[in-house]
N, C-alpha and C. Protein backbone atom coordinates (compact mmCIF):
# COMPACT_ATOMS: atom_id res chain seq x y z
N MET A 1 72.57 93.40 96.78
CA MET A 1 73.89 93.69 97.65
C MET A 1 74.72 92.30 97.67
N GLU A 2 75.95 92.62 97.59
CA GLU A 2 76.99 91.41 97.36
C GLU A 2 77.05 90.42 98.71
N ASN A 3 77.14 89.37 98.50
CA ASN A 3 77.22 88.40 99.76
C ASN A 3 78.68 88.60 100.52
N SER A 4 78.40 88.55 101.61
CA SER A 4 80.16 88.63 102.43
C SER A 4 80.86 87.27 102.13
N PRO A 5 81.94 87.31 102.72
CA PRO A 5 82.49 85.76 102.70
C PRO A 5 81.92 84.90 103.66
N GLN A 6 81.13 85.32 104.65
CA GLN A 6 80.63 84.51 105.54
C GLN A 6 79.48 83.95 105.09
N ASP A 7 78.88 84.32 103.94
CA ASP A 7 77.35 84.06 103.27
C ASP A 7 77.46 82.45 102.28
N ALA A 8 78.51 82.14 102.21
CA ALA A 8 78.65 80.90 101.14
C ALA A 8 77.89 79.93 102.15
N PRO A 9 77.15 79.13 101.49
CA PRO A 9 76.50 77.77 101.92
C PRO A 9 77.34 76.88 102.54
N HIS A 10 77.09 76.19 103.50
CA HIS A 10 77.65 75.29 104.30
C HIS A 10 77.52 74.13 103.35
N ALA A 11 78.74 73.64 103.05
CA ALA A 11 78.74 72.16 102.38
C ALA A 11 79.59 71.21 102.89
N PRO A 12 78.70 70.18 103.23
CA PRO A 12 79.45 68.93 104.18
C PRO A 12 80.60 68.35 103.18
N GLU A 13 81.49 67.57 104.13
CA GLU A 13 82.77 66.99 103.41
C GLU A 13 81.72 66.02 102.25
N THR A 14 82.66 65.87 101.25
CA THR A 14 81.91 64.89 100.08
C THR A 14 83.19 63.92 99.51
N PRO A 15 83.30 62.98 100.38
CA PRO A 15 84.30 61.78 100.13
C PRO A 15 84.20 61.22 98.91
N LEU A 16 83.92 61.75 97.76
CA LEU A 16 83.62 60.81 96.53
C LEU A 16 84.99 60.32 96.17
N ILE A 17 85.93 61.18 96.20
CA ILE A 17 87.20 60.77 95.90
C ILE A 17 87.90 59.58 96.21
N GLU A 18 88.65 58.11 96.20
CA GLU A 18 88.83 57.33 97.04
C GLU A 18 90.44 56.94 96.31
N GLU A 19 90.82 56.06 97.24
CA GLU A 19 92.39 55.87 96.72
C GLU A 19 92.56 55.51 95.50
N ALA A 20 91.69 54.43 95.06
CA ALA A 20 91.60 54.14 93.42
C ALA A 20 91.51 54.94 92.35
N ASP A 21 90.82 56.36 92.69
CA ASP A 21 91.22 57.11 91.89
C ASP A 21 92.60 58.04 91.56
N LEU A 22 93.40 57.73 92.56
CA LEU A 22 94.47 58.33 92.58
C LEU A 22 95.46 57.56 91.86
N ARG A 23 95.24 56.45 91.50
CA ARG A 23 96.19 55.53 91.04
C ARG A 23 96.73 55.89 89.59
N VAL A 24 95.76 56.27 88.93
CA VAL A 24 95.99 56.81 87.46
C VAL A 24 96.68 58.06 87.40
N VAL A 25 96.30 59.07 88.22
CA VAL A 25 96.72 60.44 88.22
C VAL A 25 98.24 60.56 88.94
N ARG A 26 98.47 59.70 89.55
CA ARG A 26 99.79 59.89 90.29
C ARG A 26 100.85 59.79 89.64
N GLY A 27 100.79 59.01 88.48
CA GLY A 27 102.10 59.27 87.53
C GLY A 27 102.31 60.32 86.87
N THR A 28 101.31 61.41 86.62
CA THR A 28 101.48 62.38 86.11
C THR A 28 100.65 63.57 86.95
N PRO A 29 101.43 64.10 88.00
CA PRO A 29 100.90 64.77 88.95
C PRO A 29 100.47 66.20 88.36
N PHE A 30 99.74 67.12 88.72
CA PHE A 30 99.47 68.52 88.23
C PHE A 30 100.62 69.15 88.98
N GLN A 31 101.41 68.97 90.06
CA GLN A 31 102.39 69.68 90.59
C GLN A 31 103.37 68.67 91.30
N ARG A 32 104.51 68.18 90.90
CA ARG A 32 105.16 67.14 91.71
C ARG A 32 105.87 68.07 93.04
N GLY A 33 105.76 67.65 94.14
CA GLY A 33 106.13 68.11 95.36
C GLY A 33 107.65 67.94 95.44
N ALA A 34 108.56 69.02 96.22
CA ALA A 34 109.79 68.68 96.26
C ALA A 34 109.80 67.38 97.58
N TRP A 35 111.09 67.09 97.70
CA TRP A 35 111.46 65.87 98.89
C TRP A 35 110.30 65.91 99.87
N GLY A 36 110.20 67.01 100.63
CA GLY A 36 109.28 66.98 101.83
C GLY A 36 108.11 67.42 101.61
N LYS A 37 107.61 67.52 100.40
CA LYS A 37 106.19 68.27 100.37
C LYS A 37 105.31 67.27 99.38
N ALA A 38 104.03 67.39 99.47
CA ALA A 38 103.15 66.67 98.83
C ALA A 38 103.02 66.81 97.39
N ASP A 39 102.78 65.79 96.70
CA ASP A 39 102.35 65.94 95.31
C ASP A 39 100.93 66.55 94.87
N ILE A 40 100.65 67.54 94.11
CA ILE A 40 99.63 68.02 93.87
C ILE A 40 98.84 67.42 92.56
N LEU A 41 97.68 66.81 92.82
CA LEU A 41 97.15 66.10 91.96
C LEU A 41 95.78 66.71 91.53
N LEU A 42 95.33 66.50 90.03
CA LEU A 42 94.03 67.02 89.66
C LEU A 42 93.27 66.00 89.28
N VAL A 43 91.98 65.88 90.11
CA VAL A 43 91.18 64.68 89.82
C VAL A 43 89.89 65.15 89.59
N GLU A 44 89.20 64.46 88.28
CA GLU A 44 87.95 64.84 88.34
C GLU A 44 87.07 63.38 88.30
N LYS A 45 85.95 63.59 88.72
CA LYS A 45 84.99 62.33 89.00
C LYS A 45 83.45 62.80 89.29
N GLU A 46 82.56 62.16 88.38
CA GLU A 46 81.13 62.54 88.83
C GLU A 46 81.11 64.22 88.56
N GLY A 47 81.86 64.72 87.78
CA GLY A 47 81.74 66.46 87.57
C GLY A 47 82.34 66.99 88.43
N LEU A 48 82.76 66.58 89.23
CA LEU A 48 83.61 67.03 90.57
C LEU A 48 85.16 67.40 90.01
N LYS A 49 85.59 68.64 90.32
CA LYS A 49 87.00 68.89 89.82
C LYS A 49 87.78 69.05 91.49
N ALA A 50 88.77 68.29 91.81
CA ALA A 50 89.24 68.34 92.87
C ALA A 50 90.78 68.58 92.82
N ILE A 51 91.52 69.31 93.74
CA ILE A 51 92.65 69.42 93.83
C ILE A 51 92.98 68.28 95.06
N VAL A 52 94.01 67.31 94.98
CA VAL A 52 94.49 66.42 95.95
C VAL A 52 95.76 66.76 96.19
N LYS A 53 95.98 66.91 97.52
CA LYS A 53 97.41 66.53 98.33
C LYS A 53 97.56 65.63 98.60
N ASP A 54 98.89 64.83 98.07
CA ASP A 54 99.14 63.33 98.35
C ASP A 54 100.39 63.23 98.58
N PHE A 55 100.94 62.44 99.51
CA PHE A 55 101.97 62.17 100.42
C PHE A 55 102.07 60.75 100.00
N GLY A 56 101.22 59.66 99.26
CA GLY A 56 101.41 58.43 98.95
C GLY A 56 102.71 57.68 98.43
N ARG A 57 103.54 58.74 97.74
CA ARG A 57 104.52 57.94 96.92
C ARG A 57 105.81 58.56 97.60
N LYS A 58 105.65 59.31 98.57
CA LYS A 58 106.68 59.82 99.26
C LYS A 58 107.76 58.54 100.37
N THR A 59 108.76 58.89 100.77
CA THR A 59 109.44 57.89 101.41
C THR A 59 108.59 57.99 102.76
N LEU A 60 108.82 56.60 103.64
CA LEU A 60 108.17 56.31 104.82
C LEU A 60 108.46 57.45 105.78
N PRO A 61 109.60 58.29 106.20
CA PRO A 61 109.33 59.35 107.19
C PRO A 61 108.74 60.51 106.64
N VAL A 62 108.56 60.87 105.21
CA VAL A 62 108.02 61.98 104.73
C VAL A 62 106.32 61.56 104.72
N ARG A 63 106.08 60.52 104.66
CA ARG A 63 104.56 59.99 104.80
C ARG A 63 103.98 60.13 106.06
N TRP A 64 104.91 59.78 107.21
CA TRP A 64 104.59 59.97 108.74
C TRP A 64 104.43 61.64 108.84
N TYR A 65 105.21 62.41 108.23
CA TYR A 65 105.13 63.96 108.66
C TYR A 65 103.79 64.17 107.61
N GLY A 66 103.88 63.73 106.61
CA GLY A 66 102.42 64.15 105.64
C GLY A 66 101.41 63.75 106.58
N ARG A 67 101.28 62.77 107.26
CA ARG A 67 100.09 62.60 107.76
C ARG A 67 99.39 63.41 108.94
N TRP A 68 100.44 63.98 109.54
CA TRP A 68 100.23 65.09 110.45
C TRP A 68 99.97 66.23 109.90
N GLN A 69 100.52 66.57 108.83
CA GLN A 69 100.46 67.80 108.10
C GLN A 69 98.95 67.58 107.39
N ILE A 70 98.33 66.67 106.83
CA ILE A 70 97.07 66.37 106.60
C ILE A 70 96.16 66.69 107.24
N ARG A 71 96.31 65.80 108.29
CA ARG A 71 95.22 66.00 109.71
C ARG A 71 95.27 67.77 110.11
N ARG A 72 96.45 68.34 110.17
CA ARG A 72 96.49 69.85 110.64
C ARG A 72 95.77 70.75 109.42
N GLU A 73 95.99 70.25 108.18
CA GLU A 73 95.12 71.47 107.08
C GLU A 73 93.98 70.75 107.26
N ALA A 74 93.51 69.79 107.19
CA ALA A 74 92.10 69.48 107.24
C ALA A 74 91.61 69.84 107.96
N SER A 75 91.77 70.30 109.34
CA SER A 75 91.25 70.79 110.71
C SER A 75 90.88 72.07 110.34
N ILE A 76 91.57 72.73 109.44
CA ILE A 76 91.90 74.08 109.43
C ILE A 76 90.64 74.34 108.20
N TYR A 77 90.59 73.67 107.35
CA TYR A 77 89.37 73.78 106.19
C TYR A 77 88.16 73.50 106.78
N ARG A 78 88.23 72.66 107.74
CA ARG A 78 86.80 72.22 108.41
C ARG A 78 86.64 73.67 109.25
N ARG A 79 87.34 73.96 109.85
CA ARG A 79 86.94 75.48 110.47
C ARG A 79 86.55 76.42 109.59
N LEU A 80 87.12 76.61 108.68
CA LEU A 80 86.83 77.46 107.37
C LEU A 80 85.46 77.29 106.78
N SER A 81 84.95 76.40 107.03
CA SER A 81 83.70 75.65 106.20
C SER A 81 82.78 76.72 106.23
N GLY A 82 82.19 77.06 104.84
CA GLY A 82 81.33 77.96 104.65
C GLY A 82 81.75 79.69 104.26
N ILE A 83 82.79 79.85 104.47
CA ILE A 83 83.43 81.11 103.95
C ILE A 83 83.54 81.21 102.40
N ARG A 84 83.14 82.07 101.94
CA ARG A 84 82.98 82.19 100.51
C ARG A 84 84.35 82.83 100.01
N GLY A 85 85.17 82.12 99.34
CA GLY A 85 86.80 82.44 99.05
C GLY A 85 87.78 81.18 99.62
N VAL A 86 87.18 80.46 100.14
CA VAL A 86 88.04 79.25 100.81
C VAL A 86 87.50 78.12 100.10
N PRO A 87 88.33 77.35 99.48
CA PRO A 87 87.97 76.02 98.68
C PRO A 87 87.39 75.23 99.73
N ARG A 88 86.22 74.66 99.33
CA ARG A 88 85.54 73.51 100.08
C ARG A 88 86.33 72.44 100.07
N TYR A 89 86.62 71.73 101.42
CA TYR A 89 87.19 70.56 101.89
C TYR A 89 86.20 69.41 101.45
N PHE A 90 86.76 68.49 100.92
CA PHE A 90 86.03 67.33 100.45
C PHE A 90 86.55 65.74 101.17
N GLY A 91 87.23 65.74 101.94
CA GLY A 91 87.69 64.91 102.85
C GLY A 91 89.44 64.25 102.64
N ARG A 92 89.41 63.40 103.37
CA ARG A 92 90.74 62.63 103.62
C ARG A 92 90.47 61.67 102.67
N ILE A 93 91.67 61.16 101.89
CA ILE A 93 91.84 59.97 101.30
C ILE A 93 92.60 59.12 101.73
N GLY A 94 92.28 57.84 102.45
CA GLY A 94 93.05 57.18 102.92
C GLY A 94 93.89 57.70 104.15
N LYS A 95 95.33 57.35 104.50
CA LYS A 95 95.95 57.99 105.60
C LYS A 95 96.77 58.96 104.65
N ASN A 96 97.10 59.10 103.47
CA ASN A 96 98.32 59.76 102.80
C ASN A 96 97.58 61.30 101.94
N ALA A 97 96.31 61.41 101.78
CA ALA A 97 95.90 62.55 100.97
C ALA A 97 94.71 63.15 101.57
N MET A 98 94.24 64.09 101.07
CA MET A 98 93.12 65.02 101.15
C MET A 98 92.94 65.57 99.81
N ALA A 99 91.34 66.08 99.97
CA ALA A 99 91.05 66.66 98.65
C ALA A 99 90.27 67.71 98.84
N ILE A 100 90.34 68.91 98.04
CA ILE A 100 89.78 70.04 98.30
C ILE A 100 89.19 70.64 97.23
N GLU A 101 88.44 71.52 96.84
CA GLU A 101 87.57 72.20 95.63
C GLU A 101 88.60 72.67 94.77
N TYR A 102 88.72 72.18 93.56
CA TYR A 102 89.52 73.28 92.57
C TYR A 102 88.85 74.22 92.01
N VAL A 103 89.65 75.39 92.35
CA VAL A 103 88.98 76.82 92.09
C VAL A 103 89.65 77.27 90.71
N GLU A 104 89.12 77.78 89.56
CA GLU A 104 89.38 78.38 88.42
C GLU A 104 90.03 79.88 88.99
N GLY A 105 90.94 80.35 88.74
CA GLY A 105 91.72 81.62 88.96
C GLY A 105 93.01 81.57 88.21
N GLU A 106 93.55 82.90 88.64
CA GLU A 106 94.91 83.29 88.10
C GLU A 106 95.34 83.92 89.18
N ARG A 107 96.77 83.74 89.40
CA ARG A 107 97.49 84.42 90.60
C ARG A 107 97.25 85.76 90.74
N ILE A 108 97.54 86.46 91.93
CA ILE A 108 97.06 87.71 91.93
C ILE A 108 98.23 88.70 90.94
N SER A 109 99.25 88.07 91.02
CA SER A 109 100.43 88.65 90.54
C SER A 109 100.44 88.74 88.98
N HIS A 110 99.43 88.11 88.30
CA HIS A 110 99.13 88.17 86.76
C HIS A 110 98.39 89.51 86.52
N TRP A 111 98.06 90.45 87.68
CA TRP A 111 97.33 91.30 87.57
C TRP A 111 97.80 92.66 87.28
N LYS A 112 99.12 92.45 87.35
CA LYS A 112 99.90 93.80 87.22
C LYS A 112 99.53 94.21 85.70
N ARG A 113 99.64 95.73 85.91
CA ARG A 113 99.28 96.51 84.81
C ARG A 113 98.10 95.87 84.06
N ARG A 114 97.11 95.54 84.67
CA ARG A 114 95.76 95.10 84.29
C ARG A 114 94.73 96.06 84.95
N GLU A 115 93.52 96.46 84.34
CA GLU A 115 92.22 96.68 84.95
C GLU A 115 91.89 95.99 85.89
N LEU A 116 91.96 96.01 87.24
CA LEU A 116 91.49 95.21 88.10
C LEU A 116 90.17 95.25 88.41
N PRO A 117 89.57 94.10 88.92
CA PRO A 117 88.11 93.75 89.18
C PRO A 117 87.66 94.76 90.19
N PRO A 118 86.41 95.38 89.99
CA PRO A 118 85.75 96.23 90.83
C PRO A 118 85.75 95.64 92.17
N ALA A 119 86.21 96.74 93.09
CA ALA A 119 86.35 96.09 94.61
C ALA A 119 87.21 95.04 95.05
N LEU A 120 88.28 94.82 94.09
CA LEU A 120 89.12 93.60 94.40
C LEU A 120 89.78 93.48 95.86
N PHE A 121 90.18 94.83 96.25
CA PHE A 121 90.42 94.96 97.58
C PHE A 121 90.01 95.05 98.90
N THR A 122 88.81 95.57 98.62
CA THR A 122 87.79 95.20 99.60
C THR A 122 87.04 94.01 99.71
N ARG A 123 87.14 93.12 98.64
CA ARG A 123 86.58 91.72 98.92
C ARG A 123 87.75 90.93 99.39
N LEU A 124 89.06 91.52 99.21
CA LEU A 124 90.22 90.61 99.81
C LEU A 124 90.47 90.87 101.20
N TRP A 125 90.01 92.12 101.58
CA TRP A 125 90.03 92.23 103.09
C TRP A 125 89.00 91.76 103.73
N ALA A 126 87.88 91.84 103.16
CA ALA A 126 86.76 91.02 103.91
C ALA A 126 87.15 89.34 104.08
N LEU A 127 87.44 89.10 102.98
CA LEU A 127 87.90 87.50 103.20
C LEU A 127 88.91 87.23 104.38
N ILE A 128 90.04 88.18 104.22
CA ILE A 128 90.98 87.87 105.46
C ILE A 128 90.53 87.96 106.84
N GLU A 129 89.71 88.90 106.94
CA GLU A 129 88.72 89.27 108.44
C GLU A 129 87.85 88.15 108.63
N ALA A 130 87.37 87.58 107.55
CA ALA A 130 86.46 86.13 107.89
C ALA A 130 87.27 85.00 108.45
N ILE A 131 88.35 84.98 107.56
CA ILE A 131 89.22 83.84 108.21
C ILE A 131 89.86 83.86 109.47
N HIS A 132 90.20 85.24 109.62
CA HIS A 132 90.68 85.52 111.22
C HIS A 132 89.45 85.29 112.30
N SER A 133 88.30 85.80 111.97
CA SER A 133 87.30 85.59 112.81
C SER A 133 86.90 84.09 113.30
N ARG A 134 87.47 83.14 112.63
CA ARG A 134 87.57 81.75 112.94
C ARG A 134 88.68 81.24 113.52
N GLY A 135 89.68 82.20 114.08
CA GLY A 135 90.83 81.81 114.90
C GLY A 135 91.99 81.17 113.86
N ILE A 136 92.14 81.57 112.70
CA ILE A 136 92.99 81.05 111.39
C ILE A 136 93.82 82.40 111.05
N VAL A 137 95.00 82.02 110.92
CA VAL A 137 96.00 83.20 110.51
C VAL A 137 96.84 82.34 109.37
N HIS A 138 96.80 82.93 108.12
CA HIS A 138 97.28 82.26 106.66
C HIS A 138 98.84 82.35 106.79
N ILE A 139 99.29 83.23 107.32
CA ILE A 139 100.71 83.62 107.40
C ILE A 139 101.41 83.90 106.00
N ASP A 140 100.94 83.36 104.94
CA ASP A 140 101.94 83.46 103.51
C ASP A 140 101.08 83.90 102.80
N LEU A 141 100.61 85.14 102.77
CA LEU A 141 99.78 85.88 101.82
C LEU A 141 100.64 86.56 100.73
N ARG A 142 101.76 86.88 101.19
CA ARG A 142 102.81 87.80 100.48
C ARG A 142 103.00 86.69 99.22
N LYS A 143 103.02 85.42 99.35
CA LYS A 143 103.48 84.48 98.28
C LYS A 143 102.26 84.68 97.07
N ARG A 144 102.87 84.64 95.93
CA ARG A 144 102.05 84.89 94.69
C ARG A 144 101.02 83.81 94.25
N ASP A 145 101.61 82.78 94.78
CA ASP A 145 100.29 81.62 94.67
C ASP A 145 99.17 81.39 95.38
N ASN A 146 99.07 82.01 96.47
CA ASN A 146 98.12 81.91 97.57
C ASN A 146 96.87 82.60 97.21
N ILE A 147 96.92 83.71 96.67
CA ILE A 147 95.58 84.21 96.45
C ILE A 147 95.17 84.19 94.88
N LEU A 148 94.13 83.78 94.57
CA LEU A 148 93.80 83.72 93.28
C LEU A 148 92.42 84.40 92.75
N ILE A 149 92.69 84.89 91.64
CA ILE A 149 91.28 86.00 91.09
C ILE A 149 90.61 85.14 90.41
N GLY A 150 89.25 84.66 90.46
CA GLY A 150 88.64 84.19 89.38
C GLY A 150 88.12 85.13 88.26
N PRO A 151 87.53 84.55 87.33
CA PRO A 151 87.00 84.96 86.00
C PRO A 151 85.83 86.05 86.25
N GLU A 152 85.27 86.16 87.28
CA GLU A 152 84.36 86.90 87.53
C GLU A 152 84.70 87.79 88.60
N GLY A 153 85.94 87.88 88.85
CA GLY A 153 86.60 89.23 89.77
C GLY A 153 86.50 88.37 91.24
N GLU A 154 86.13 87.09 91.47
CA GLU A 154 86.07 86.52 92.83
C GLU A 154 87.14 86.32 93.57
N VAL A 155 87.71 86.48 94.72
CA VAL A 155 89.12 86.18 95.38
C VAL A 155 88.71 85.10 95.99
N PHE A 156 89.79 84.43 95.98
CA PHE A 156 90.25 83.01 96.87
C PHE A 156 91.49 83.11 97.30
N ILE A 157 91.38 82.49 98.42
CA ILE A 157 92.60 82.26 99.51
C ILE A 157 92.83 80.63 99.41
N ILE A 158 93.96 80.04 99.21
CA ILE A 158 94.36 78.62 99.33
C ILE A 158 95.72 78.32 100.01
N ASP A 159 95.78 77.11 100.12
CA ASP A 159 97.19 76.51 100.88
C ASP A 159 97.55 76.92 101.98
N PHE A 160 96.61 76.37 103.33
CA PHE A 160 96.68 76.79 104.50
C PHE A 160 97.97 75.68 105.07
N ASN A 161 98.69 75.23 104.53
CA ASN A 161 99.58 74.28 105.52
C ASN A 161 100.52 74.66 106.11
N ALA A 162 100.64 76.10 105.97
CA ALA A 162 101.70 76.88 107.01
C ALA A 162 100.77 77.76 108.23
N SER A 163 99.58 77.68 107.98
CA SER A 163 98.78 78.49 108.87
C SER A 163 98.63 78.33 110.16
N PHE A 164 98.41 79.27 111.40
CA PHE A 164 98.26 78.91 112.48
C PHE A 164 96.92 78.97 112.85
N ARG A 165 96.27 78.08 113.77
CA ARG A 165 94.89 78.06 114.37
C ARG A 165 94.74 78.28 115.81
N PHE A 166 93.95 78.88 116.44
CA PHE A 166 93.55 79.24 117.71
C PHE A 166 92.46 78.48 117.93
N PRO A 167 91.91 77.95 119.25
CA PRO A 167 90.64 77.81 119.62
C PRO A 167 90.10 79.31 119.95
N PRO A 168 88.99 79.67 119.85
CA PRO A 168 88.02 80.88 119.97
C PRO A 168 88.21 80.98 121.30
N GLY A 169 88.83 82.03 121.73
CA GLY A 169 88.77 82.63 123.32
C GLY A 169 90.00 82.06 123.92
N SER A 170 90.90 81.14 123.38
CA SER A 170 91.86 80.54 124.34
C SER A 170 93.03 81.50 124.29
N ARG A 171 93.67 81.26 125.31
CA ARG A 171 95.13 82.08 125.71
C ARG A 171 95.83 82.33 124.83
N GLY A 172 95.99 81.50 123.64
CA GLY A 172 96.89 81.63 122.33
C GLY A 172 96.38 82.63 121.51
N ALA A 173 94.91 82.57 121.22
CA ALA A 173 94.35 83.48 120.53
C ALA A 173 94.38 84.89 121.04
N ARG A 174 94.33 84.99 122.40
CA ARG A 174 94.33 86.53 123.08
C ARG A 174 95.92 86.89 123.25
N TRP A 175 96.64 86.07 123.09
CA TRP A 175 98.39 86.32 123.33
C TRP A 175 98.77 86.66 121.69
N PHE A 176 98.56 85.24 120.80
CA PHE A 176 99.28 85.60 119.66
C PHE A 176 98.49 86.16 118.43
N LEU A 177 97.32 85.97 118.41
CA LEU A 177 96.43 86.24 117.17
C LEU A 177 96.75 87.87 116.76
N PRO A 178 96.47 88.62 117.67
CA PRO A 178 96.61 89.80 117.48
C PRO A 178 98.02 90.31 116.42
N PHE A 179 98.96 89.71 117.12
CA PHE A 179 100.22 90.10 116.19
C PHE A 179 100.17 89.17 115.05
N LEU A 180 99.87 88.23 115.03
CA LEU A 180 100.05 87.17 113.61
C LEU A 180 99.36 87.79 112.48
N ARG A 181 97.91 88.60 112.97
CA ARG A 181 97.05 88.92 112.06
C ARG A 181 97.79 90.06 111.05
N ARG A 182 98.81 90.52 111.83
CA ARG A 182 99.53 91.84 111.22
C ARG A 182 100.03 91.46 110.11
N ILE A 183 100.76 90.25 110.17
CA ILE A 183 101.56 89.41 109.05
C ILE A 183 100.42 89.41 107.62
N ASP A 184 99.41 88.98 107.95
CA ASP A 184 98.33 88.59 106.95
C ASP A 184 98.16 90.21 106.31
N HIS A 185 97.93 90.84 107.23
CA HIS A 185 97.77 92.67 106.52
C HIS A 185 98.93 92.91 105.92
N PHE A 186 100.07 92.56 106.28
CA PHE A 186 101.25 93.15 105.47
C PHE A 186 101.19 92.48 104.29
N GLY A 187 100.78 91.14 103.98
CA GLY A 187 100.51 90.65 102.67
C GLY A 187 99.49 91.29 101.95
N PHE A 188 98.30 91.62 102.28
CA PHE A 188 97.48 92.24 101.69
C PHE A 188 97.90 93.64 101.45
N LEU A 189 98.69 94.31 102.28
CA LEU A 189 99.02 95.58 101.60
C LEU A 189 100.06 95.62 100.76
N LYS A 190 100.96 94.45 100.79
CA LYS A 190 101.99 94.42 99.72
C LYS A 190 101.36 94.52 98.42
N TRP A 191 100.22 93.40 98.01
CA TRP A 191 99.50 93.35 96.84
C TRP A 191 98.85 94.55 96.45
N LYS A 192 98.39 95.37 97.35
CA LYS A 192 97.56 96.75 97.26
C LYS A 192 98.38 97.47 96.76
N ALA A 193 99.62 97.97 97.18
CA ALA A 193 100.71 98.75 96.86
C ALA A 193 101.22 98.36 95.48
N ALA A 194 101.52 96.95 95.33
CA ALA A 194 102.06 96.52 94.06
C ALA A 194 100.76 96.91 92.67
N LEU A 195 100.01 96.72 93.17
CA LEU A 195 98.84 96.41 92.04
C LEU A 195 97.77 97.98 91.90
N ALA A 196 97.60 98.46 93.05
CA ALA A 196 96.87 99.72 93.12
C ALA A 196 97.27 100.57 94.22
N PRO A 197 98.53 101.28 93.82
CA PRO A 197 99.07 102.07 94.89
C PRO A 197 98.41 103.50 95.01
N SER A 198 97.45 103.79 94.33
CA SER A 198 96.52 104.94 94.10
C SER A 198 95.65 104.75 95.20
N GLN A 199 95.01 103.42 95.64
CA GLN A 199 94.12 103.09 96.37
C GLN A 199 94.35 103.12 97.98
N LEU A 200 95.63 103.11 98.21
CA LEU A 200 96.22 103.02 99.49
C LEU A 200 95.82 104.35 100.26
N SER A 201 95.20 104.03 101.44
CA SER A 201 95.23 105.21 102.18
C SER A 201 96.27 105.82 103.23
N GLU A 202 96.44 107.15 103.60
CA GLU A 202 97.43 107.51 104.30
C GLU A 202 97.78 106.60 105.46
N SER A 203 97.13 105.96 106.04
CA SER A 203 97.20 105.16 107.34
C SER A 203 97.93 103.71 106.67
N GLU A 204 97.38 103.39 105.61
CA GLU A 204 97.82 101.91 105.00
C GLU A 204 99.24 102.20 104.77
N ARG A 205 99.44 103.50 103.96
CA ARG A 205 100.80 103.85 103.62
C ARG A 205 102.15 103.58 104.72
N SER A 206 101.61 104.34 105.65
CA SER A 206 102.37 104.45 106.78
C SER A 206 102.87 102.79 107.30
N ALA A 207 101.57 102.14 107.36
CA ALA A 207 101.53 101.03 107.77
C ALA A 207 102.69 100.08 107.22
N PHE A 208 102.22 100.43 105.75
CA PHE A 208 103.16 99.37 104.86
C PHE A 208 104.68 99.77 105.02
N ARG A 209 104.85 101.05 105.28
CA ARG A 209 106.46 101.37 105.15
C ARG A 209 106.97 100.78 106.74
N ARG A 210 106.18 100.83 107.69
CA ARG A 210 106.55 100.29 108.80
C ARG A 210 106.55 98.92 108.80
N MET A 211 105.90 98.11 108.38
CA MET A 211 106.03 96.61 108.35
C MET A 211 107.31 96.15 107.41
N SER A 212 107.54 97.04 106.33
CA SER A 212 108.40 96.87 105.42
C SER A 212 109.90 96.94 106.15
N PHE A 213 109.95 97.80 107.01
CA PHE A 213 111.19 98.18 107.65
C PHE A 213 111.12 96.81 108.74
N LEU A 214 110.28 96.61 109.45
CA LEU A 214 110.21 95.18 110.48
C LEU A 214 110.75 94.32 109.89
N ARG A 215 110.22 93.85 108.65
CA ARG A 215 110.37 92.80 107.93
C ARG A 215 112.10 92.49 107.66
N ARG A 216 112.78 93.13 107.84
CA ARG A 216 114.09 93.14 107.49
C ARG A 216 114.50 92.09 108.66
N PHE A 217 113.91 92.32 109.66
CA PHE A 217 114.55 91.72 111.13
C PHE A 217 113.62 90.42 111.23
N TRP A 218 112.62 90.10 110.19
CA TRP A 218 111.77 88.83 110.50
C TRP A 218 112.52 87.68 109.93
N ILE A 219 112.56 86.36 110.73
CA ILE A 219 113.52 85.44 110.04
C ILE A 219 112.70 84.76 108.76
N PHE A 220 111.58 84.61 108.74
CA PHE A 220 110.90 84.01 107.70
C PHE A 220 110.77 85.07 106.57
N LYS A 221 111.53 84.82 105.41
CA LYS A 221 111.12 85.95 104.39
C LYS A 221 110.16 85.23 103.44
């Protein structure tokens, strides 16, 4: 029987990467962030491959903001620890950076006009629901960069910097979580409609049409 997203073994934070390890790669970032965004670094150490979000070379005001952003996203990764399909969190690196597991995968958008891995959308739906069960809503699953498909058909969701988090059972969770979950569901339906329209049920088709109409009035595109 296939493991569910909740079945991944819990991995403690592994702060093997230190500030000194960033000095070499800061000059050639994996992806240089825009003015107010983190640089993305790829670091390899002791057989470990990690993605580092780094505000260390930004201006002082951006570093201040970045420290808040790093704390916030780190808390989300800790909340999601143990969910298969969410990169493992490796810990903070000084004040301005954090490290997460590097995962091999292609953007979901690269799978247009290709044979899809078996049960791709069943796996993706299960992963989204596992994330929601921890009081986290991703918000940006429509973006092609945020869902990756691994070489064995594994599904990963990455980049939680814009996500919402709610303490379980809190008033915010009761009031806002049901609505915000629908935004993630719309992202799911967008990719299912684009890659496997024949797999959409009638209820999913209706929901996708309704959400597509409502999105015209949504301020965040």
